[in-house]
Amino acid sequence: MRRVPRTILHHSKRLGYVGTAPRDGSAARLRALVRRDVGIALAGLRRWGRLRAAITGLPAGPAALAAATAGFADQAHLTRTARDFIGRTPASLRPAKA
């Protein structure tokens, strides 16, 4: 049986799933729990987290830096994810300049 990767285990602790998965800590069980309790797949939940982190970093600097800091492969990856989830590009989310 496969062990749960560290990143998934980190998210499971944040979401309060520690102790609910079997002792072997199977990744499949964790994915099932997240889908049941949150309503979306664990991968989608992780993408939402990265998108939120990137959007938070947008006012501080370039979109490419926000994307890299949040864990996206590149700025295009961030842009595709933003369009998929919220229907807008990162550039459209920046505060308007006065």
C-alpha atoms as a PDB file:
ATOM      1  CA  MET A   1       0.000   0.000   0.000  1.00  0.00           C
ATOM      2  CA  ARG A   2       1.297   3.477  -0.872  1.00  0.00           C
ATOM      3  CA  ARG A   3       2.112   5.945   1.865  1.00  0.00           C
ATOM      4  CA  VAL A   4       0.614   9.432   1.866  1.00  0.00           C
ATOM      5  CA  PRO A   5       2.981  12.030   0.357  1.00  0.00           C
ATOM      6  CA  ARG A   6       4.116  14.764   2.752  1.00  0.00           C
ATOM      7  CA  THR A   7       2.158  17.523   0.968  1.00  0.00           C
ATOM      8  CA  ILE A   8      -1.089  15.582   1.242  1.00  0.00           C
ATOM      9  CA  LEU A   9      -0.380  14.806   4.890  1.00  0.00           C
ATOM     10  CA  HIS A  10       0.275  18.522   5.505  1.00  0.00           C
ATOM     11  CA  HIS A  11      -3.110  19.438   3.980  1.00  0.00           C
ATOM     12  CA  SER A  12      -4.842  16.682   5.916  1.00  0.00           C
ATOM     13  CA  LYS A  13      -3.505  18.099   9.181  1.00  0.00           C
ATOM     14  CA  ARG A  14      -4.676  21.586   8.218  1.00  0.00           C
ATOM     15  CA  LEU A  15      -8.134  20.253   7.388  1.00  0.00           C
ATOM     16  CA  GLY A  16      -8.409  18.238  10.597  1.00  0.00           C
ATOM     17  CA  TYR A  17      -8.205  14.757   9.074  1.00  0.00           C
ATOM     18  CA  VAL A  18      -5.362  13.550  11.267  1.00  0.00           C
ATOM     19  CA  GLY A  19      -6.465  10.470  13.144  1.00  0.00           C
ATOM     20  CA  THR A  20      -9.416   9.802  10.843  1.00  0.00           C
ATOM     21  CA  ALA A  21      -7.499   7.937   8.151  1.00  0.00           C
ATOM     22  CA  PRO A  22      -6.479   4.317   8.676  1.00  0.00           C
ATOM     23  CA  ARG A  23      -3.188   3.661  10.456  1.00  0.00           C
ATOM     24  CA  ASP A  24      -1.521   3.007   7.118  1.00  0.00           C
ATOM     25  CA  GLY A  25      -2.447   6.568   6.101  1.00  0.00           C
ATOM     26  CA  SER A  26      -3.564   5.558   2.634  1.00  0.00           C
ATOM     27  CA  ALA A  27      -3.823   8.342   0.095  1.00  0.00           C
ATOM     28  CA  ALA A  28      -7.027   6.858  -1.318  1.00  0.00           C
ATOM     29  CA  ARG A  29      -8.777   7.050   2.060  1.00  0.00           C
ATOM     30  CA  LEU A  30      -7.715  10.658   2.543  1.00  0.00           C
ATOM     31  CA  ARG A  31      -8.951  11.596  -0.945  1.00  0.00           C
ATOM     32  CA  ALA A  32     -12.290   9.925  -0.206  1.00  0.00           C
ATOM     33  CA  LEU A  33     -12.658  11.786   3.102  1.00  0.00           C
ATOM     34  CA  VAL A  34     -11.902  15.149   1.509  1.00  0.00           C
ATOM     35  CA  ARG A  35     -14.321  14.550  -1.359  1.00  0.00           C
ATOM     36  CA  ARG A  36     -17.046  13.486   1.083  1.00  0.00           C
ATOM     37  CA  ASP A  37     -16.552  16.354   3.548  1.00  0.00           C
ATOM     38  CA  VAL A  38     -15.536  19.236   1.276  1.00  0.00           C
ATOM     39  CA  GLY A  39     -17.343  18.267  -1.909  1.00  0.00           C
ATOM     40  CA  ILE A  40     -14.381  18.516  -4.271  1.00  0.00           C
ATOM     41  CA  ALA A  41     -11.362  16.355  -4.973  1.00  0.00           C
ATOM     42  CA  LEU A  42      -8.226  16.833  -2.898  1.00  0.00           C
ATOM     43  CA  ALA A  43      -6.345  17.945  -6.024  1.00  0.00           C
ATOM     44  CA  GLY A  44      -8.954  20.657  -6.622  1.00  0.00           C
ATOM     45  CA  LEU A  45      -8.722  21.766  -3.012  1.00  0.00           C
ATOM     46  CA  ARG A  46      -4.953  22.049  -3.332  1.00  0.00           C
ATOM     47  CA  ARG A  47      -5.378  24.103  -6.549  1.00  0.00           C
ATOM     48  CA  TRP A  48      -7.775  26.463  -4.715  1.00  0.00           C
ATOM     49  CA  GLY A  49      -5.161  26.906  -1.990  1.00  0.00           C
ATOM     50  CA  ARG A  50      -2.427  27.724  -4.490  1.00  0.00           C
ATOM     51  CA  LEU A  51      -4.728  30.132  -6.342  1.00  0.00           C
ATOM     52  CA  ARG A  52      -5.619  31.906  -3.109  1.00  0.00           C
ATOM     53  CA  ALA A  53      -1.946  32.246  -2.191  1.00  0.00           C
ATOM     54  CA  ALA A  54      -1.092  33.624  -5.629  1.00  0.00           C
ATOM     55  CA  ILE A  55      -3.941  36.158  -5.588  1.00  0.00           C
ATOM     56  CA  THR A  56      -2.791  37.334  -2.167  1.00  0.00           C
ATOM     57  CA  GLY A  57       0.692  37.925  -3.597  1.00  0.00           C
ATOM     58  CA  LEU A  58      -0.452  39.802  -6.711  1.00  0.00           C
ATOM     59  CA  PRO A  59      -0.441  43.338  -5.274  1.00  0.00           C
ATOM     60  CA  ALA A  60       3.100  42.870  -3.931  1.00  0.00           C
ATOM     61  CA  GLY A  61       4.836  42.179  -7.238  1.00  0.00           C
ATOM     62  CA  PRO A  62       4.786  40.593 -10.675  1.00  0.00           C
ATOM     63  CA  ALA A  63       2.308  37.807 -11.433  1.00  0.00           C
ATOM     64  CA  ALA A  64       5.175  35.449 -12.300  1.00  0.00           C
ATOM     65  CA  LEU A  65       6.616  35.888  -8.813  1.00  0.00           C
ATOM     66  CA  ALA A  66       3.209  35.352  -7.189  1.00  0.00           C
ATOM     67  CA  ALA A  67       2.752  32.204  -9.303  1.00  0.00           C
ATOM     68  CA  ALA A  68       6.149  30.775  -8.385  1.00  0.00           C
ATOM     69  CA  THR A  69       5.747  31.598  -4.700  1.00  0.00           C
ATOM     70  CA  ALA A  70       2.338  29.886  -4.615  1.00  0.00           C
ATOM     71  CA  GLY A  71       3.693  26.725  -6.231  1.00  0.00           C
ATOM     72  CA  PHE A  72       2.564  27.096  -9.836  1.00  0.00           C
ATOM     73  CA  ALA A  73       4.883  25.898 -12.594  1.00  0.00           C
ATOM     74  CA  ASP A  74       4.749  29.277 -14.323  1.00  0.00           C
ATOM     75  CA  GLN A  75       2.573  32.329 -14.883  1.00  0.00           C
ATOM     76  CA  ALA A  76       0.583  30.595 -17.620  1.00  0.00           C
ATOM     77  CA  HIS A  77      -0.311  27.804 -15.180  1.00  0.00           C
ATOM     78  CA  LEU A  78      -1.611  30.424 -12.739  1.00  0.00           C
ATOM     79  CA  THR A  79      -3.606  32.123 -15.503  1.00  0.00           C
ATOM     80  CA  ARG A  80      -5.235  28.851 -16.627  1.00  0.00           C
ATOM     81  CA  THR A  81      -6.135  27.942 -13.057  1.00  0.00           C
ATOM     82  CA  ALA A  82      -7.611  31.383 -12.374  1.00  0.00           C
ATOM     83  CA  ARG A  83      -9.724  31.173 -15.533  1.00  0.00           C
ATOM     84  CA  ASP A  84     -10.889  27.657 -14.653  1.00  0.00           C
ATOM     85  CA  PHE A  85     -11.889  28.500 -11.096  1.00  0.00           C
ATOM     86  CA  ILE A  86     -13.068  32.118 -11.160  1.00  0.00           C
ATOM     87  CA  GLY A  87     -13.326  33.011 -14.840  1.00  0.00           C
ATOM     88  CA  ARG A  88     -10.833  35.868 -14.622  1.00  0.00           C
ATOM     89  CA  THR A  89      -7.144  36.372 -15.287  1.00  0.00           C
ATOM     90  CA  PRO A  90      -4.665  37.389 -12.584  1.00  0.00           C
ATOM     91  CA  ALA A  91      -4.176  40.756 -14.302  1.00  0.00           C
ATOM     92  CA  SER A  92      -7.886  41.530 -13.908  1.00  0.00           C
ATOM     93  CA  LEU A  93      -7.643  40.813 -10.174  1.00  0.00           C
ATOM     94  CA  ARG A  94      -4.996  43.457  -9.503  1.00  0.00           C
ATOM     95  CA  PRO A  95      -6.165  46.558  -7.662  1.00  0.00           C
ATOM     96  CA  ALA A  96      -6.793  49.514  -9.982  1.00  0.00           C
ATOM     97  CA  LYS A  97      -4.036  52.117 -10.012  1.00  0.00           C
ATOM     98  CA  ALA A  98      -5.107  55.504  -8.759  1.00  0.00           C
END
